[in-house]
Amino acid sequence: MPDFPRAFRGYSPAQVDALIGRIEGTLGLSPLYAPPVTADEVNAVKFRRAVRGYRMKAVDEALEKYIRELEDKAGGNRMVSGEVDRLVGLVRNVQFTTARLTPGYDEQEVDDFLDTTITALRAGTARGSVVKKSAFATTRMRPGYRQAEVDAFLERLASEIERLRSEG
């Protein structure tokens, strides 16, 4: 079980430890004393905040690794090459409308995320959960991508990645 650093206000250690115990039991890293956990359950978990709790960023990073391991264990590990090429083309060619007077997403952050996603697709490591959790800084009074368009595209991309991983 990881030894997470503490913060003045962080995640509840009891809740985190219980979930990590279930995850490691599901993965066969330790005995399983509770029902097995799925990647979707881990992705949806919300922890209470506590004084002297676990540092949130450290826990979130560890959970992302566990999610990938749970997805791999579930068998959704391979994606068909032609479908990957289609998704890479879709990501590479997407164009978003620019918002100037309304809040938009930082263009550079979105573009960098899409480049990272293309790399992950080619490596076969793309995860729908990562796409769903993506977040970007918002812009005001300067150009930025329309939030609704970006959100809709990323939702579609995440569902396509999940479909491919389940068919693989």
N, C-alpha and C. Protein backbone atom coordinates (compact mmCIF):
# COMPACT_ATOMS: atom_id res chain seq x y z
N MET A 1 0.86 -1.18 0.00
CA MET A 1 0.00 0.00 0.00
C MET A 1 0.90 1.24 0.00
N PRO A 2 0.59 2.20 -0.87
CA PRO A 2 1.42 3.42 -0.93
C PRO A 2 1.39 4.19 0.38
N ASP A 3 2.48 4.90 0.63
CA ASP A 3 2.58 5.75 1.81
C ASP A 3 2.45 7.20 1.31
N PHE A 4 1.24 7.75 1.43
CA PHE A 4 0.96 9.07 0.89
C PHE A 4 1.41 10.16 1.85
N PRO A 5 1.95 11.26 1.31
CA PRO A 5 2.29 12.41 2.16
C PRO A 5 1.01 13.06 2.70
N ARG A 6 1.15 13.72 3.81
CA ARG A 6 0.00 14.37 4.45
C ARG A 6 -0.05 15.85 4.09
N ALA A 7 -1.26 16.39 4.20
CA ALA A 7 -1.48 17.82 3.96
C ALA A 7 -2.36 18.34 5.09
N PHE A 8 -2.38 19.66 5.28
CA PHE A 8 -3.24 20.23 6.32
C PHE A 8 -4.68 19.81 6.09
N ARG A 9 -5.18 19.95 4.84
CA ARG A 9 -6.52 19.45 4.47
C ARG A 9 -6.32 18.54 3.27
N GLY A 10 -6.67 17.29 3.44
CA GLY A 10 -6.51 16.33 2.35
C GLY A 10 -7.60 15.29 2.40
N TYR A 11 -7.42 14.24 1.62
CA TYR A 11 -8.41 13.16 1.58
C TYR A 11 -8.38 12.36 2.89
N SER A 12 -9.53 11.87 3.28
CA SER A 12 -9.68 11.05 4.49
C SER A 12 -8.82 9.80 4.37
N PRO A 13 -7.82 9.64 5.26
CA PRO A 13 -6.95 8.45 5.18
C PRO A 13 -7.71 7.14 5.29
N ALA A 14 -8.73 7.07 6.13
CA ALA A 14 -9.48 5.83 6.29
C ALA A 14 -10.18 5.44 4.99
N GLN A 15 -10.79 6.41 4.31
CA GLN A 15 -11.47 6.12 3.05
C GLN A 15 -10.48 5.71 1.96
N VAL A 16 -9.38 6.44 1.87
CA VAL A 16 -8.37 6.13 0.85
C VAL A 16 -7.79 4.74 1.11
N ASP A 17 -7.42 4.45 2.36
CA ASP A 17 -6.82 3.15 2.68
C ASP A 17 -7.78 2.01 2.37
N ALA A 18 -9.07 2.19 2.67
CA ALA A 18 -10.05 1.14 2.39
C ALA A 18 -10.15 0.88 0.89
N LEU A 19 -10.18 1.94 0.10
CA LEU A 19 -10.28 1.77 -1.35
C LEU A 19 -9.01 1.13 -1.91
N ILE A 20 -7.86 1.61 -1.48
CA ILE A 20 -6.59 1.04 -1.96
C ILE A 20 -6.51 -0.44 -1.60
N GLY A 21 -6.98 -0.80 -0.41
CA GLY A 21 -7.01 -2.21 -0.01
C GLY A 21 -7.85 -3.05 -0.95
N ARG A 22 -9.03 -2.54 -1.32
CA ARG A 22 -9.90 -3.25 -2.26
C ARG A 22 -9.25 -3.35 -3.64
N ILE A 23 -8.61 -2.24 -4.07
CA ILE A 23 -7.97 -2.25 -5.39
C ILE A 23 -6.85 -3.29 -5.41
N GLU A 24 -5.98 -3.25 -4.41
CA GLU A 24 -4.86 -4.18 -4.40
C GLU A 24 -5.33 -5.62 -4.25
N GLY A 25 -6.43 -5.83 -3.53
CA GLY A 25 -7.01 -7.17 -3.45
C GLY A 25 -7.55 -7.63 -4.79
N THR A 26 -8.22 -6.73 -5.50
CA THR A 26 -8.75 -7.05 -6.82
C THR A 26 -7.62 -7.39 -7.79
N LEU A 27 -6.51 -6.68 -7.68
CA LEU A 27 -5.37 -6.90 -8.58
C LEU A 27 -4.52 -8.10 -8.15
N GLY A 28 -4.83 -8.69 -6.99
CA GLY A 28 -4.08 -9.85 -6.51
C GLY A 28 -2.79 -9.49 -5.81
N LEU A 29 -2.65 -8.22 -5.41
CA LEU A 29 -1.44 -7.77 -4.73
C LEU A 29 -1.50 -8.00 -3.23
N SER A 30 -2.71 -8.23 -2.71
CA SER A 30 -2.92 -8.48 -1.29
C SER A 30 -4.22 -9.27 -1.16
N PRO A 31 -4.51 -9.81 0.03
CA PRO A 31 -5.78 -10.53 0.20
C PRO A 31 -6.97 -9.59 0.00
N LEU A 32 -8.04 -10.15 -0.55
CA LEU A 32 -9.25 -9.36 -0.81
C LEU A 32 -10.28 -9.68 0.25
N TYR A 33 -10.61 -8.69 1.09
CA TYR A 33 -11.57 -8.86 2.19
C TYR A 33 -12.90 -8.18 1.91
N ALA A 34 -13.05 -7.60 0.74
CA ALA A 34 -14.27 -6.89 0.37
C ALA A 34 -14.55 -7.21 -1.10
N PRO A 35 -15.70 -6.81 -1.60
CA PRO A 35 -16.00 -7.08 -3.01
C PRO A 35 -14.94 -6.46 -3.93
N PRO A 36 -14.64 -7.12 -5.05
CA PRO A 36 -13.69 -6.55 -6.01
C PRO A 36 -14.18 -5.19 -6.51
N VAL A 37 -13.26 -4.39 -6.95
CA VAL A 37 -13.59 -3.04 -7.42
C VAL A 37 -13.29 -2.96 -8.91
N THR A 38 -14.06 -2.14 -9.63
CA THR A 38 -13.84 -1.94 -11.06
C THR A 38 -13.17 -0.59 -11.30
N ALA A 39 -12.62 -0.43 -12.49
CA ALA A 39 -12.00 0.84 -12.86
C ALA A 39 -13.02 1.97 -12.83
N ASP A 40 -14.25 1.69 -13.25
CA ASP A 40 -15.29 2.72 -13.23
C ASP A 40 -15.61 3.17 -11.81
N GLU A 41 -15.63 2.24 -10.86
CA GLU A 41 -15.89 2.60 -9.47
C GLU A 41 -14.78 3.51 -8.93
N VAL A 42 -13.55 3.16 -9.25
CA VAL A 42 -12.42 3.97 -8.77
C VAL A 42 -12.47 5.35 -9.41
N ASN A 43 -12.82 5.39 -10.68
CA ASN A 43 -12.90 6.66 -11.40
C ASN A 43 -13.96 7.58 -10.81
N ALA A 44 -15.03 7.01 -10.27
CA ALA A 44 -16.15 7.81 -9.77
C ALA A 44 -16.05 8.14 -8.27
N VAL A 45 -15.06 7.63 -7.58
CA VAL A 45 -14.99 7.79 -6.12
C VAL A 45 -14.77 9.25 -5.71
N LYS A 46 -15.40 9.63 -4.62
CA LYS A 46 -15.21 10.96 -4.02
C LYS A 46 -14.86 10.73 -2.55
N PHE A 47 -13.80 11.35 -2.10
CA PHE A 47 -13.37 11.19 -0.71
C PHE A 47 -13.76 12.42 0.11
N ARG A 48 -14.06 12.18 1.39
CA ARG A 48 -14.26 13.30 2.32
C ARG A 48 -12.91 13.97 2.54
N ARG A 49 -12.95 15.21 2.91
CA ARG A 49 -11.72 15.94 3.27
C ARG A 49 -11.53 15.86 4.77
N ALA A 50 -10.29 15.81 5.19
CA ALA A 50 -9.99 15.70 6.61
C ALA A 50 -8.73 16.51 6.92
N VAL A 51 -8.66 16.99 8.15
CA VAL A 51 -7.45 17.67 8.62
C VAL A 51 -6.36 16.61 8.75
N ARG A 52 -5.17 16.93 8.27
CA ARG A 52 -4.03 16.01 8.25
C ARG A 52 -4.34 14.77 7.40
N GLY A 53 -5.07 15.01 6.31
CA GLY A 53 -5.41 13.92 5.39
C GLY A 53 -4.30 13.71 4.38
N TYR A 54 -4.53 12.77 3.50
CA TYR A 54 -3.55 12.49 2.45
C TYR A 54 -3.57 13.59 1.40
N ARG A 55 -2.39 13.92 0.91
CA ARG A 55 -2.26 14.94 -0.14
C ARG A 55 -3.04 14.49 -1.38
N MET A 56 -3.95 15.33 -1.82
CA MET A 56 -4.89 14.96 -2.87
C MET A 56 -4.20 14.61 -4.19
N LYS A 57 -3.21 15.39 -4.59
CA LYS A 57 -2.55 15.14 -5.87
C LYS A 57 -1.86 13.78 -5.87
N ALA A 58 -1.21 13.42 -4.78
CA ALA A 58 -0.52 12.13 -4.70
C ALA A 58 -1.50 10.97 -4.80
N VAL A 59 -2.64 11.10 -4.13
CA VAL A 59 -3.66 10.04 -4.18
C VAL A 59 -4.24 9.95 -5.59
N ASP A 60 -4.56 11.09 -6.20
CA ASP A 60 -5.14 11.09 -7.54
C ASP A 60 -4.19 10.44 -8.55
N GLU A 61 -2.90 10.72 -8.45
CA GLU A 61 -1.92 10.12 -9.37
C GLU A 61 -1.86 8.61 -9.17
N ALA A 62 -1.87 8.16 -7.91
CA ALA A 62 -1.84 6.72 -7.64
C ALA A 62 -3.10 6.05 -8.16
N LEU A 63 -4.24 6.70 -7.99
CA LEU A 63 -5.50 6.12 -8.47
C LEU A 63 -5.51 6.00 -9.99
N GLU A 64 -4.93 6.96 -10.70
CA GLU A 64 -4.85 6.87 -12.16
C GLU A 64 -4.07 5.62 -12.58
N LYS A 65 -2.97 5.33 -11.89
CA LYS A 65 -2.19 4.12 -12.19
C LYS A 65 -3.01 2.87 -11.91
N TYR A 66 -3.71 2.87 -10.78
CA TYR A 66 -4.55 1.72 -10.44
C TYR A 66 -5.67 1.53 -11.47
N ILE A 67 -6.25 2.62 -11.94
CA ILE A 67 -7.32 2.52 -12.94
C ILE A 67 -6.79 1.84 -14.19
N ARG A 68 -5.60 2.23 -14.64
CA ARG A 68 -5.01 1.60 -15.83
C ARG A 68 -4.80 0.10 -15.59
N GLU A 69 -4.30 -0.26 -14.42
CA GLU A 69 -4.08 -1.67 -14.11
C GLU A 69 -5.39 -2.44 -14.07
N LEU A 70 -6.43 -1.85 -13.49
CA LEU A 70 -7.73 -2.52 -13.44
C LEU A 70 -8.31 -2.68 -14.84
N GLU A 71 -8.16 -1.67 -15.69
CA GLU A 71 -8.64 -1.78 -17.07
C GLU A 71 -7.88 -2.86 -17.81
N ASP A 72 -6.57 -2.93 -17.61
CA ASP A 72 -5.78 -3.97 -18.26
C ASP A 72 -6.19 -5.35 -17.78
N LYS A 73 -6.44 -5.49 -16.48
CA LYS A 73 -6.85 -6.78 -15.93
C LYS A 73 -8.21 -7.20 -16.48
N ALA A 74 -9.09 -6.23 -16.73
CA ALA A 74 -10.42 -6.52 -17.25
C ALA A 74 -10.36 -6.98 -18.71
N GLY A 75 -9.21 -6.84 -19.33
CA GLY A 75 -9.04 -7.34 -20.69
C GLY A 75 -9.15 -6.31 -21.78
N GLY A 76 -9.49 -5.09 -21.46
CA GLY A 76 -9.60 -4.06 -22.49
C GLY A 76 -8.25 -3.47 -22.79
N ASN A 77 -7.35 -4.27 -23.31
CA ASN A 77 -5.97 -3.83 -23.42
C ASN A 77 -5.50 -3.60 -24.86
N ARG A 78 -6.25 -4.11 -25.84
CA ARG A 78 -5.78 -4.01 -27.21
C ARG A 78 -6.78 -3.21 -28.04
N MET A 79 -6.26 -2.41 -28.94
CA MET A 79 -7.13 -1.66 -29.84
C MET A 79 -6.73 -2.03 -31.27
N VAL A 80 -7.70 -2.12 -32.17
CA VAL A 80 -7.46 -2.48 -33.56
C VAL A 80 -6.75 -1.33 -34.26
N SER A 81 -5.69 -1.67 -35.00
CA SER A 81 -4.83 -0.67 -35.63
C SER A 81 -5.59 0.30 -36.54
N GLY A 82 -6.46 -0.20 -37.41
CA GLY A 82 -7.20 0.68 -38.32
C GLY A 82 -8.09 1.66 -37.57
N GLU A 83 -8.70 1.19 -36.49
CA GLU A 83 -9.56 2.06 -35.68
C GLU A 83 -8.73 3.12 -34.97
N VAL A 84 -7.54 2.74 -34.52
CA VAL A 84 -6.65 3.71 -33.88
C VAL A 84 -6.27 4.80 -34.88
N ASP A 85 -5.94 4.40 -36.10
CA ASP A 85 -5.59 5.38 -37.13
C ASP A 85 -6.76 6.33 -37.41
N ARG A 86 -7.96 5.79 -37.41
CA ARG A 86 -9.15 6.63 -37.62
C ARG A 86 -9.29 7.66 -36.50
N LEU A 87 -9.10 7.21 -35.24
CA LEU A 87 -9.19 8.14 -34.11
C LEU A 87 -8.08 9.17 -34.13
N VAL A 88 -6.87 8.75 -34.50
CA VAL A 88 -5.76 9.71 -34.60
C VAL A 88 -6.10 10.78 -35.63
N GLY A 89 -6.65 10.37 -36.76
CA GLY A 89 -7.05 11.34 -37.78
C GLY A 89 -8.14 12.27 -37.28
N LEU A 90 -9.09 11.72 -36.54
CA LEU A 90 -10.17 12.53 -35.97
C LEU A 90 -9.61 13.59 -35.02
N VAL A 91 -8.69 13.18 -34.16
CA VAL A 91 -8.10 14.12 -33.19
C VAL A 91 -7.24 15.15 -33.91
N ARG A 92 -6.45 14.70 -34.87
CA ARG A 92 -5.56 15.61 -35.58
C ARG A 92 -6.33 16.66 -36.37
N ASN A 93 -7.48 16.30 -36.91
CA ASN A 93 -8.21 17.20 -37.80
C ASN A 93 -9.33 17.98 -37.14
N VAL A 94 -9.54 17.80 -35.85
CA VAL A 94 -10.62 18.52 -35.20
C VAL A 94 -10.32 20.02 -35.19
N GLN A 95 -11.35 20.81 -35.40
CA GLN A 95 -11.21 22.27 -35.35
C GLN A 95 -12.33 22.81 -34.48
N PHE A 96 -11.97 23.67 -33.55
CA PHE A 96 -12.95 24.27 -32.65
C PHE A 96 -13.12 25.73 -33.00
N THR A 97 -14.32 26.23 -32.79
CA THR A 97 -14.61 27.65 -32.98
C THR A 97 -13.96 28.44 -31.85
N THR A 98 -13.47 29.62 -32.18
CA THR A 98 -12.83 30.46 -31.17
C THR A 98 -13.86 31.39 -30.54
N ALA A 99 -13.82 31.46 -29.22
CA ALA A 99 -14.67 32.38 -28.46
C ALA A 99 -13.80 33.55 -28.04
N ARG A 100 -14.32 34.75 -28.17
CA ARG A 100 -13.53 35.91 -27.77
C ARG A 100 -14.17 36.68 -26.61
N LEU A 101 -15.44 36.84 -26.63
CA LEU A 101 -16.10 37.62 -25.59
C LEU A 101 -16.69 36.75 -24.48
N THR A 102 -16.88 35.48 -24.77
CA THR A 102 -17.38 34.55 -23.75
C THR A 102 -16.22 33.68 -23.28
N PRO A 103 -16.33 33.10 -22.11
CA PRO A 103 -15.24 32.24 -21.63
C PRO A 103 -14.99 31.07 -22.58
N GLY A 104 -13.73 30.75 -22.75
CA GLY A 104 -13.34 29.61 -23.59
C GLY A 104 -12.21 28.86 -22.92
N TYR A 105 -11.83 27.73 -23.49
CA TYR A 105 -10.71 26.96 -22.96
C TYR A 105 -9.41 27.45 -23.57
N ASP A 106 -8.37 27.47 -22.76
CA ASP A 106 -7.04 27.88 -23.21
C ASP A 106 -6.64 27.02 -24.40
N GLU A 107 -6.38 27.65 -25.53
CA GLU A 107 -6.10 26.92 -26.77
C GLU A 107 -4.85 26.06 -26.67
N GLN A 108 -3.81 26.58 -26.05
CA GLN A 108 -2.55 25.83 -25.96
C GLN A 108 -2.72 24.57 -25.11
N GLU A 109 -3.46 24.69 -24.00
CA GLU A 109 -3.69 23.53 -23.15
C GLU A 109 -4.47 22.45 -23.88
N VAL A 110 -5.50 22.84 -24.60
CA VAL A 110 -6.31 21.87 -25.35
C VAL A 110 -5.44 21.22 -26.43
N ASP A 111 -4.68 22.01 -27.17
CA ASP A 111 -3.83 21.47 -28.23
C ASP A 111 -2.78 20.51 -27.66
N ASP A 112 -2.18 20.87 -26.53
CA ASP A 112 -1.20 19.98 -25.89
C ASP A 112 -1.85 18.67 -25.45
N PHE A 113 -3.05 18.76 -24.90
CA PHE A 113 -3.75 17.54 -24.48
C PHE A 113 -4.06 16.65 -25.68
N LEU A 114 -4.49 17.24 -26.77
CA LEU A 114 -4.79 16.45 -27.97
C LEU A 114 -3.52 15.80 -28.52
N ASP A 115 -2.38 16.49 -28.49
CA ASP A 115 -1.11 15.90 -28.92
C ASP A 115 -0.75 14.71 -28.04
N THR A 116 -0.92 14.86 -26.73
CA THR A 116 -0.65 13.77 -25.80
C THR A 116 -1.58 12.59 -26.06
N THR A 117 -2.82 12.88 -26.38
CA THR A 117 -3.80 11.82 -26.67
C THR A 117 -3.42 11.06 -27.93
N ILE A 118 -2.94 11.75 -28.95
CA ILE A 118 -2.49 11.08 -30.18
C ILE A 118 -1.34 10.14 -29.85
N THR A 119 -0.39 10.59 -29.05
CA THR A 119 0.74 9.75 -28.66
C THR A 119 0.25 8.52 -27.91
N ALA A 120 -0.70 8.70 -27.00
CA ALA A 120 -1.25 7.58 -26.22
C ALA A 120 -2.02 6.61 -27.12
N LEU A 121 -2.76 7.13 -28.09
CA LEU A 121 -3.48 6.26 -29.02
C LEU A 121 -2.51 5.38 -29.80
N ARG A 122 -1.45 5.99 -30.31
CA ARG A 122 -0.46 5.23 -31.08
C ARG A 122 0.26 4.19 -30.23
N ALA A 123 0.46 4.51 -28.96
CA ALA A 123 1.14 3.57 -28.06
C ALA A 123 0.19 2.51 -27.50
N GLY A 124 -1.11 2.68 -27.74
CA GLY A 124 -2.10 1.74 -27.23
C GLY A 124 -2.40 1.93 -25.76
N THR A 125 -2.05 3.10 -25.22
CA THR A 125 -2.25 3.36 -23.80
C THR A 125 -3.35 4.39 -23.53
N ALA A 126 -4.08 4.78 -24.56
CA ALA A 126 -5.14 5.78 -24.39
C ALA A 126 -6.25 5.21 -23.51
N ARG A 127 -6.76 6.04 -22.62
CA ARG A 127 -7.82 5.64 -21.70
C ARG A 127 -8.95 6.65 -21.77
N GLY A 128 -10.16 6.15 -21.87
CA GLY A 128 -11.32 7.02 -21.87
C GLY A 128 -11.44 7.80 -20.58
N SER A 129 -11.04 7.18 -19.47
CA SER A 129 -11.14 7.85 -18.17
C SER A 129 -10.24 9.08 -18.10
N VAL A 130 -9.09 9.01 -18.75
CA VAL A 130 -8.18 10.16 -18.77
C VAL A 130 -8.79 11.30 -19.59
N VAL A 131 -9.39 10.95 -20.72
CA VAL A 131 -10.02 11.97 -21.56
C VAL A 131 -11.18 12.62 -20.81
N LYS A 132 -11.98 11.80 -20.12
CA LYS A 132 -13.12 12.34 -19.38
C LYS A 132 -12.70 13.28 -18.25
N LYS A 133 -11.56 13.01 -17.64
CA LYS A 133 -11.11 13.82 -16.51
C LYS A 133 -10.32 15.06 -16.92
N SER A 134 -10.10 15.25 -18.20
CA SER A 134 -9.30 16.39 -18.65
C SER A 134 -9.97 17.70 -18.24
N ALA A 135 -9.14 18.65 -17.86
CA ALA A 135 -9.63 19.97 -17.45
C ALA A 135 -8.67 21.02 -18.01
N PHE A 136 -9.22 22.14 -18.37
CA PHE A 136 -8.41 23.20 -18.98
C PHE A 136 -8.70 24.53 -18.32
N ALA A 137 -7.71 25.41 -18.35
CA ALA A 137 -7.90 26.77 -17.84
C ALA A 137 -8.86 27.50 -18.78
N THR A 138 -9.63 28.42 -18.21
CA THR A 138 -10.55 29.19 -19.04
C THR A 138 -9.95 30.56 -19.35
N THR A 139 -10.35 31.07 -20.50
CA THR A 139 -9.87 32.39 -20.92
C THR A 139 -11.03 33.38 -20.87
N ARG A 140 -10.69 34.62 -20.66
CA ARG A 140 -11.68 35.70 -20.69
C ARG A 140 -11.02 36.88 -21.41
N MET A 141 -11.79 37.44 -22.31
CA MET A 141 -11.33 38.62 -23.06
C MET A 141 -10.08 38.34 -23.90
N ARG A 142 -9.84 37.09 -24.20
CA ARG A 142 -8.81 36.70 -25.15
C ARG A 142 -9.28 35.41 -25.81
N PRO A 143 -8.75 35.11 -26.99
CA PRO A 143 -9.26 33.94 -27.71
C PRO A 143 -9.12 32.64 -26.91
N GLY A 144 -10.12 31.80 -27.05
CA GLY A 144 -10.12 30.48 -26.45
C GLY A 144 -11.13 29.61 -27.19
N TYR A 145 -10.95 28.30 -27.12
CA TYR A 145 -11.88 27.40 -27.80
C TYR A 145 -13.23 27.38 -27.08
N ARG A 146 -14.31 27.31 -27.83
CA ARG A 146 -15.65 27.23 -27.25
C ARG A 146 -15.75 25.97 -26.40
N GLN A 147 -16.11 26.18 -25.13
CA GLN A 147 -16.12 25.09 -24.16
C GLN A 147 -17.07 23.96 -24.56
N ALA A 148 -18.25 24.29 -25.01
CA ALA A 148 -19.24 23.26 -25.36
C ALA A 148 -18.73 22.36 -26.48
N GLU A 149 -18.05 22.94 -27.46
CA GLU A 149 -17.52 22.15 -28.58
C GLU A 149 -16.42 21.21 -28.10
N VAL A 150 -15.51 21.72 -27.29
CA VAL A 150 -14.42 20.89 -26.77
C VAL A 150 -14.99 19.76 -25.91
N ASP A 151 -15.90 20.10 -25.01
CA ASP A 151 -16.49 19.08 -24.13
C ASP A 151 -17.20 17.99 -24.93
N ALA A 152 -17.96 18.38 -25.94
CA ALA A 152 -18.68 17.40 -26.76
C ALA A 152 -17.70 16.49 -27.51
N PHE A 153 -16.64 17.08 -28.05
CA PHE A 153 -15.65 16.28 -28.77
C PHE A 153 -14.96 15.30 -27.83
N LEU A 154 -14.56 15.77 -26.66
CA LEU A 154 -13.85 14.90 -25.73
C LEU A 154 -14.76 13.78 -25.22
N GLU A 155 -16.04 14.07 -25.04
CA GLU A 155 -16.98 13.01 -24.63
C GLU A 155 -17.08 11.95 -25.72
N ARG A 156 -17.17 12.39 -26.96
CA ARG A 156 -17.22 11.45 -28.09
C ARG A 156 -15.93 10.64 -28.17
N LEU A 157 -14.80 11.31 -28.03
CA LEU A 157 -13.50 10.63 -28.09
C LEU A 157 -13.37 9.60 -26.98
N ALA A 158 -13.76 9.95 -25.76
CA ALA A 158 -13.68 9.02 -24.63
C ALA A 158 -14.54 7.80 -24.88
N SER A 159 -15.74 7.99 -25.39
CA SER A 159 -16.62 6.84 -25.63
C SER A 159 -16.05 5.96 -26.75
N GLU A 160 -15.44 6.55 -27.76
CA GLU A 160 -14.82 5.77 -28.83
C GLU A 160 -13.64 4.96 -28.30
N ILE A 161 -12.82 5.58 -27.46
CA ILE A 161 -11.68 4.86 -26.87
C ILE A 161 -12.17 3.70 -26.02
N GLU A 162 -13.18 3.94 -25.21
CA GLU A 162 -13.72 2.87 -24.36
C GLU A 162 -14.31 1.75 -25.21
N ARG A 163 -15.01 2.11 -26.29
CA ARG A 163 -15.57 1.08 -27.18
C ARG A 163 -14.47 0.23 -27.79
N LEU A 164 -13.41 0.88 -28.29
CA LEU A 164 -12.31 0.14 -28.90
C LEU A 164 -11.61 -0.77 -27.90
N ARG A 165 -11.44 -0.28 -26.69
CA ARG A 165 -10.74 -1.10 -25.68
C ARG A 165 -11.60 -2.30 -25.29
N SER A 166 -12.91 -2.14 -25.28
CA SER A 166 -13.78 -3.27 -24.89
C SER A 166 -13.88 -4.29 -26.04
N GLU A 167 -13.75 -3.84 -27.28
CA GLU A 167 -13.81 -4.76 -28.42
C GLU A 167 -12.49 -5.47 -28.64
N GLY A 168 -11.37 -4.82 -28.21
CA GLY A 168 -10.04 -5.34 -28.47
C GLY A 168 -9.84 -6.69 -27.96
